[in-house]
């Protein structure tokens, strides 16, 4: 049974463990729609309800894939999607666009691709530099009033930007990378979310697979964007993998995998987590991790062993860091 958390101060109670769908369309090597649909079906069967996508994942393909899943009758599915990153098909280079006309066009396009009348949670994927967040939230407020979106979310923003946005319209959720490899959200963003009653959604809670301890350069296909990220490049991957002894030791004691312990740690922090996978085996392992209870001693040991700054290398390339901590 997956524990539930409220999504914001007046949002629904949702299972704490969701599913990140990005890799089903892009960035992590070859994709297989039939396999991905089987994962989506099984996730719903196991109690997962938050399904996370974005218009830029496969340039619309991921939303269309979710539409196929929703057609089978998934009344409790909670769909979160995003706008604000524009890129050409097959390219990693991107621009950030929060212009009012683009927001409206992007929302309509996502509604059409998803085949829904209203988006449950609509995130600003990245905030555009030089554009007031108040103006962006104003446009989203109009979309709430029009019945096109139910709730507003922000992704990868600073605590200051969150406060400014929340003053215009309640923000239901902030989504950012958060795991044992990436803990900078603990300094300001997480405390601000708790103060304001904003849910926090952790993406990449397994450090893009790094925390599994099974990643090496040979396992990453040419189409896997991790090959070009600092943490997975050169000597960094070897150095980072060598740091996993404490995680592995706790996993052995708990008769779990290192990835399951890492996910249980994130869930123990009282946040939503949306690990992404396109494989049934990993999905089922992740769901099992939601029932893994770590002791206070386990959590303290992990906190000490993986203090912020423990891992080598930035989490994205310079291109990927556009709009982060805006």
Protein backbone atom coordinates (compact mmCIF):
# COMPACT_ATOMS: atom_id res chain seq x y z
CA UNK A 1 0.00 0.00 0.00
CA UNK A 2 1.40 3.38 -1.01
CA UNK A 3 1.03 6.12 1.61
CA UNK A 4 -0.87 9.24 0.61
CA UNK A 5 -0.08 12.93 0.89
CA UNK A 6 -2.13 16.07 0.21
CA UNK A 7 -1.28 17.98 -2.96
CA UNK A 8 -1.15 21.50 -1.57
CA UNK A 9 -3.43 22.91 1.10
CA UNK A 10 -6.71 22.19 -0.66
CA UNK A 11 -5.72 19.58 -3.22
CA UNK A 12 -6.56 15.89 -3.32
CA UNK A 13 -4.87 13.16 -1.31
CA UNK A 14 -2.68 11.19 -3.71
CA UNK A 15 -0.39 8.18 -3.39
CA UNK A 16 3.08 9.42 -2.51
CA UNK A 17 4.70 7.40 -5.28
CA UNK A 18 3.96 8.51 -8.84
CA UNK A 19 5.43 7.66 -12.23
CA UNK A 20 7.68 9.83 -14.34
CA UNK A 21 6.94 9.10 -17.99
CA UNK A 22 9.69 11.04 -19.81
CA UNK A 23 11.89 8.06 -20.62
CA UNK A 24 9.03 6.37 -22.44
CA UNK A 25 9.46 8.90 -25.25
CA UNK A 26 12.98 10.32 -25.19
CA UNK A 27 16.37 10.82 -23.52
CA UNK A 28 17.03 7.29 -22.23
CA UNK A 29 17.69 5.38 -25.41
CA UNK A 30 15.25 3.33 -27.47
CA UNK A 31 11.56 3.39 -26.67
CA UNK A 32 8.76 0.87 -27.11
CA UNK A 33 5.17 2.12 -26.93
CA UNK A 34 3.67 -1.33 -26.26
CA UNK A 35 6.07 -1.91 -23.38
CA UNK A 36 5.43 1.56 -22.01
CA UNK A 37 1.66 1.11 -22.12
CA UNK A 38 2.07 -2.15 -20.21
CA UNK A 39 4.04 -0.27 -17.55
CA UNK A 40 1.39 2.45 -17.33
CA UNK A 41 -1.38 -0.15 -16.97
CA UNK A 42 0.53 -2.06 -14.30
CA UNK A 43 1.35 1.13 -12.39
CA UNK A 44 -2.33 2.00 -12.19
CA UNK A 45 -3.13 -1.55 -11.11
CA UNK A 46 -0.55 -1.26 -8.29
CA UNK A 47 -2.05 1.97 -6.98
CA UNK A 48 0.01 4.65 -8.71
CA UNK A 49 -2.15 7.65 -9.59
CA UNK A 50 0.16 10.59 -10.41
CA UNK A 51 1.46 10.33 -13.97
CA UNK A 52 3.99 13.01 -14.90
CA UNK A 53 4.65 14.18 -18.43
CA UNK A 54 5.52 17.35 -20.39
CA UNK A 55 4.85 18.72 -23.84
CA UNK A 56 8.57 18.57 -24.71
CA UNK A 57 9.00 14.85 -23.95
CA UNK A 58 9.26 13.44 -27.43
CA UNK A 59 7.78 16.71 -28.72
CA UNK A 60 4.25 15.71 -27.80
CA UNK A 61 4.68 11.93 -28.11
CA UNK A 62 4.59 11.36 -24.35
CA UNK A 63 1.28 13.16 -23.90
CA UNK A 64 -0.17 11.21 -26.82
CA UNK A 65 1.06 7.98 -25.22
CA UNK A 66 -0.72 8.90 -21.98
CA UNK A 67 -3.89 9.60 -23.96
CA UNK A 68 -3.81 6.01 -25.21
CA UNK A 69 -3.45 4.82 -21.61
CA UNK A 70 -6.31 7.03 -20.41
CA UNK A 71 -8.69 5.71 -23.09
CA UNK A 72 -8.84 2.40 -21.24
CA UNK A 73 -10.80 4.03 -18.42
CA UNK A 74 -8.54 5.40 -15.71
CA UNK A 75 -10.92 7.60 -13.70
CA UNK A 76 -8.53 8.16 -10.80
CA UNK A 77 -5.46 8.96 -12.91
CA UNK A 78 -3.99 12.34 -12.00
CA UNK A 79 -2.16 13.89 -14.95
CA UNK A 80 0.57 16.47 -14.51
CA UNK A 81 2.13 18.07 -17.56
CA UNK A 82 4.37 21.05 -18.21
CA UNK A 83 5.15 23.86 -20.62
CA UNK A 84 8.00 26.30 -21.09
CA UNK A 85 10.83 24.36 -22.76
CA UNK A 86 10.92 24.55 -26.53
CA UNK A 87 13.23 22.43 -28.65
CA UNK A 88 13.44 20.83 -32.06
CA UNK A 89 12.68 17.10 -32.46
CA UNK A 90 15.72 14.99 -31.66
CA UNK A 91 17.69 17.96 -30.38
CA UNK A 92 18.80 18.62 -26.80
CA UNK A 93 19.29 22.37 -27.27
CA UNK A 94 16.36 24.34 -25.91
CA UNK A 95 14.92 27.76 -25.25
CA UNK A 96 12.73 28.80 -22.33
CA UNK A 97 9.44 30.48 -23.29
CA UNK A 98 6.85 31.76 -20.80
CA UNK A 99 5.25 34.31 -23.13
CA UNK A 100 1.48 34.63 -22.60
CA UNK A 101 0.52 33.59 -26.14
CA UNK A 102 2.79 30.57 -25.98
CA UNK A 103 1.38 29.47 -22.61
CA UNK A 104 -2.17 29.55 -24.00
CA UNK A 105 -1.16 27.73 -27.18
CA UNK A 106 0.84 25.13 -25.24
CA UNK A 107 -2.05 24.46 -22.87
CA UNK A 108 -4.52 23.95 -25.71
CA UNK A 109 -2.08 21.66 -27.51
CA UNK A 110 -1.53 19.57 -24.37
CA UNK A 111 -5.27 19.26 -23.76
CA UNK A 112 -5.73 18.02 -27.31
CA UNK A 113 -2.85 15.53 -27.18
CA UNK A 114 -3.92 14.18 -23.79
CA UNK A 115 -7.55 13.96 -24.84
CA UNK A 116 -8.76 15.55 -21.60
CA UNK A 117 -10.94 18.56 -20.84
CA UNK A 118 -8.82 19.77 -17.94
CA UNK A 119 -5.21 19.23 -16.86
CA UNK A 120 -4.98 18.22 -13.20
CA UNK A 121 -1.64 19.95 -12.56
CA UNK A 122 0.05 22.30 -15.02
CA UNK A 123 3.69 23.14 -14.30
CA UNK A 124 5.90 25.96 -15.47
CA UNK A 125 8.62 23.56 -16.62
CA UNK A 126 11.25 26.26 -16.41
CA UNK A 127 10.78 29.94 -15.55
CA UNK A 128 12.03 32.30 -18.25
CA UNK A 129 14.84 34.65 -17.23
CA UNK A 130 13.86 38.29 -17.44
CA UNK A 131 10.12 37.64 -17.31
CA UNK A 132 8.21 38.37 -14.11
CA UNK A 133 6.85 35.20 -12.56
CA UNK A 134 3.79 37.22 -11.51
CA UNK A 135 2.90 37.71 -15.18
CA UNK A 136 3.28 34.01 -15.91
CA UNK A 137 1.10 33.05 -12.95
CA UNK A 138 -1.46 35.63 -14.08
CA UNK A 139 -1.89 33.79 -17.38
CA UNK A 140 -2.17 30.47 -15.58
CA UNK A 141 -4.75 31.94 -13.22
CA UNK A 142 -6.84 32.78 -16.28
CA UNK A 143 -6.52 29.17 -17.46
CA UNK A 144 -7.74 27.97 -14.05
CA UNK A 145 -10.73 30.31 -14.35
CA UNK A 146 -11.41 28.98 -17.85
CA UNK A 147 -11.49 25.42 -16.53
CA UNK A 148 -8.53 24.31 -18.64
CA UNK A 149 -6.23 23.54 -15.70
CA UNK A 150 -7.10 22.60 -12.13
CA UNK A 151 -3.86 23.49 -10.33
CA UNK A 152 -0.64 25.42 -10.92
CA UNK A 153 2.83 24.00 -10.37
CA UNK A 154 6.39 25.25 -10.70
CA UNK A 155 9.52 23.29 -11.59
CA UNK A 156 13.12 24.03 -10.59
CA UNK A 157 12.44 27.45 -9.08
CA UNK A 158 14.07 29.25 -6.17
CA UNK A 159 12.29 29.80 -2.86
CA UNK A 160 12.05 33.51 -3.70
CA UNK A 161 10.32 32.81 -7.02
CA UNK A 162 7.95 30.39 -5.29
CA UNK A 163 6.93 33.04 -2.75
CA UNK A 164 6.28 35.61 -5.47
CA UNK A 165 4.22 33.14 -7.51
CA UNK A 166 2.24 31.91 -4.52
CA UNK A 167 1.29 35.48 -3.64
CA UNK A 168 -0.53 35.77 -6.99
CA UNK A 169 -2.28 32.38 -6.97
CA UNK A 170 -1.83 29.31 -4.74
CA UNK A 171 0.86 27.00 -6.08
CA UNK A 172 -0.10 23.37 -5.56
CA UNK A 173 3.30 21.79 -6.13
CA UNK A 174 6.96 22.43 -6.80
CA UNK A 175 8.83 19.79 -8.77
CA UNK A 176 12.61 19.58 -8.66
CA UNK A 177 15.33 16.98 -8.77
CA UNK A 178 15.81 15.52 -5.30
CA UNK A 179 17.66 12.40 -4.18
CA UNK A 180 20.67 11.32 -2.18
CA UNK A 181 22.75 12.66 -5.08
CA UNK A 182 21.01 16.06 -5.21
CA UNK A 183 19.97 17.62 -1.92
CA UNK A 184 20.25 21.37 -2.52
CA UNK A 185 16.44 21.70 -2.26
CA UNK A 186 16.75 21.07 1.48
CA UNK A 187 18.36 24.47 2.11
CA UNK A 188 15.50 26.79 1.12
CA UNK A 189 12.97 25.30 -1.28
CA UNK A 190 11.71 22.40 0.83
CA UNK A 191 11.31 24.52 3.99
CA UNK A 192 9.45 27.17 1.97
CA UNK A 193 7.13 24.55 0.49
CA UNK A 194 6.32 23.30 3.99
CA UNK A 195 5.74 26.82 5.27
CA UNK A 196 3.36 27.67 2.43
CA UNK A 197 1.59 24.30 2.28
CA UNK A 198 2.95 23.53 -1.19
CA UNK A 199 3.57 19.89 -2.11
CA UNK A 200 7.07 18.94 -3.20
CA UNK A 201 7.48 16.44 -6.04
CA UNK A 202 10.90 14.82 -6.38
CA UNK A 203 11.93 13.82 -9.87
CA UNK A 204 14.94 11.58 -10.52
CA UNK A 205 14.79 10.29 -6.91
CA UNK A 206 17.21 7.53 -7.95
CA UNK A 207 19.76 9.98 -9.34
CA UNK A 208 18.94 8.92 -12.92
CA UNK A 209 19.87 5.36 -12.02
CA UNK A 210 23.18 6.27 -10.40
CA UNK A 211 21.93 5.15 -6.97
CA UNK A 212 21.19 1.66 -8.31
CA UNK A 213 24.94 1.04 -8.47
CA UNK A 214 24.49 -0.80 -11.76
CA UNK A 215 25.28 1.98 -14.25
CA UNK A 216 28.49 2.07 -16.23
CA UNK A 217 29.38 3.75 -19.49
CA UNK A 218 28.98 0.49 -21.40
CA UNK A 219 25.32 0.20 -20.34
CA UNK A 220 24.41 3.64 -21.70
CA UNK A 221 23.29 3.62 -25.33
CA UNK A 222 24.31 6.31 -27.79
CA UNK A 223 20.85 7.85 -27.48
CA UNK A 224 21.06 8.14 -23.69
CA UNK A 225 21.51 11.75 -22.65
CA UNK A 226 23.36 10.70 -19.49
CA UNK A 227 26.43 10.01 -21.63
CA UNK A 228 26.78 13.79 -21.97
CA UNK A 229 26.08 14.83 -18.37
CA UNK A 230 28.92 15.61 -15.98
CA UNK A 231 27.99 13.05 -13.29
CA UNK A 232 28.09 10.20 -15.80
CA UNK A 233 31.15 11.37 -17.75
CA UNK A 234 34.78 10.30 -17.55
CA UNK A 235 36.11 9.61 -14.08
CA UNK A 236 33.06 11.13 -12.40
CA UNK A 237 30.85 8.07 -12.86
CA UNK A 238 33.51 5.79 -11.38
CA UNK A 239 34.05 8.16 -8.45
CA UNK A 240 30.32 8.49 -7.82
CA UNK A 241 29.68 4.76 -7.97
CA UNK A 242 32.50 4.22 -5.46
CA UNK A 243 30.56 6.34 -2.96
CA UNK A 244 27.62 3.92 -2.73
CA UNK A 245 29.00 1.56 -0.05
CA UNK A 246 26.80 2.89 2.76
CA UNK A 247 23.68 2.67 0.61
CA UNK A 248 24.55 -0.89 -0.43
CA UNK A 249 25.23 -1.95 3.17
CA UNK A 250 21.82 -0.75 4.33
CA UNK A 251 20.20 -2.42 1.33
CA UNK A 252 21.83 -5.73 2.26
CA UNK A 253 20.59 -5.41 5.84
CA UNK A 254 17.06 -4.69 4.62
CA UNK A 255 17.12 -7.39 1.93
CA UNK A 256 16.39 -4.69 -0.63
CA UNK A 257 18.19 -3.15 -3.58
CA UNK A 258 20.20 0.07 -3.23
CA UNK A 259 17.65 1.78 -5.49
CA UNK A 260 14.81 0.72 -3.19
CA UNK A 261 16.59 2.11 -0.14
CA UNK A 262 17.33 5.37 -1.97
CA UNK A 263 13.66 5.70 -2.93
CA UNK A 264 12.49 4.83 0.59
CA UNK A 265 14.81 7.57 1.90
CA UNK A 266 13.17 10.15 -0.39
CA UNK A 267 9.67 9.06 0.59
CA UNK A 268 10.65 9.25 4.27
CA UNK A 269 11.31 12.96 3.74
CA UNK A 270 7.56 13.49 3.27
CA UNK A 271 7.62 14.33 -0.43
CA UNK A 272 6.02 12.88 -3.53
CA UNK A 273 8.46 10.95 -5.71
CA UNK A 274 8.08 10.17 -9.41
CA UNK A 275 10.81 7.71 -10.43
CA UNK A 276 10.73 7.13 -14.14
CA UNK A 277 10.92 3.73 -15.77
CA UNK A 278 9.84 1.97 -18.93
CA UNK A 279 10.35 -1.54 -17.53
CA UNK A 280 7.87 -3.60 -15.52
CA UNK A 281 10.58 -5.07 -13.28
CA UNK A 282 11.80 -1.66 -12.14
CA UNK A 283 8.26 -0.37 -11.71
CA UNK A 284 7.40 -3.26 -9.39
CA UNK A 285 10.62 -2.78 -7.42
CA UNK A 286 9.84 0.91 -7.00
CA UNK A 287 6.31 0.21 -5.78
CA UNK A 288 7.71 -2.32 -3.30
CA UNK A 289 10.08 0.39 -2.01
CA UNK A 290 7.04 2.40 -0.91
CA UNK A 291 6.45 -0.29 1.74
CA UNK A 292 10.08 -0.32 2.89
CA UNK A 293 10.34 1.41 6.26
CA UNK A 294 13.79 2.71 7.12
CA UNK A 295 14.73 3.26 10.74
CA UNK A 296 15.65 6.68 12.07
CA UNK A 297 19.19 5.38 12.34
CA UNK A 298 19.18 4.32 8.68
CA UNK A 299 18.01 7.75 7.58
CA UNK A 300 20.54 9.56 9.75
CA UNK A 301 23.32 7.35 8.40
CA UNK A 302 22.30 8.07 4.81
CA UNK A 303 22.00 11.78 5.57
CA UNK A 304 25.57 11.83 6.87
CA UNK A 305 27.05 9.60 4.19
CA UNK A 306 25.47 11.58 1.35
CA UNK A 307 25.63 15.14 2.57
CA UNK A 308 25.13 17.81 -0.11
CA UNK A 309 28.18 17.95 -2.34
CA UNK A 310 29.12 14.29 -1.91
CA UNK A 311 28.75 13.42 -5.58
CA UNK A 312 31.01 14.72 -8.34
CA UNK A 313 29.77 16.76 -11.31
CA UNK A 314 26.79 18.93 -12.15
CA UNK A 315 23.47 17.13 -12.66
CA UNK A 316 23.00 18.56 -16.17
CA UNK A 317 25.16 19.95 -18.93
CA UNK A 318 25.15 23.74 -19.29
CA UNK A 319 22.29 23.44 -21.81
CA UNK A 320 20.21 21.38 -19.41
CA UNK A 321 20.82 23.84 -16.57
CA UNK A 322 18.92 26.58 -18.41
CA UNK A 323 16.15 27.81 -16.13
CA UNK A 324 17.26 25.78 -13.11
CA UNK A 325 16.84 27.58 -9.76
CA UNK A 326 15.21 30.46 -11.59
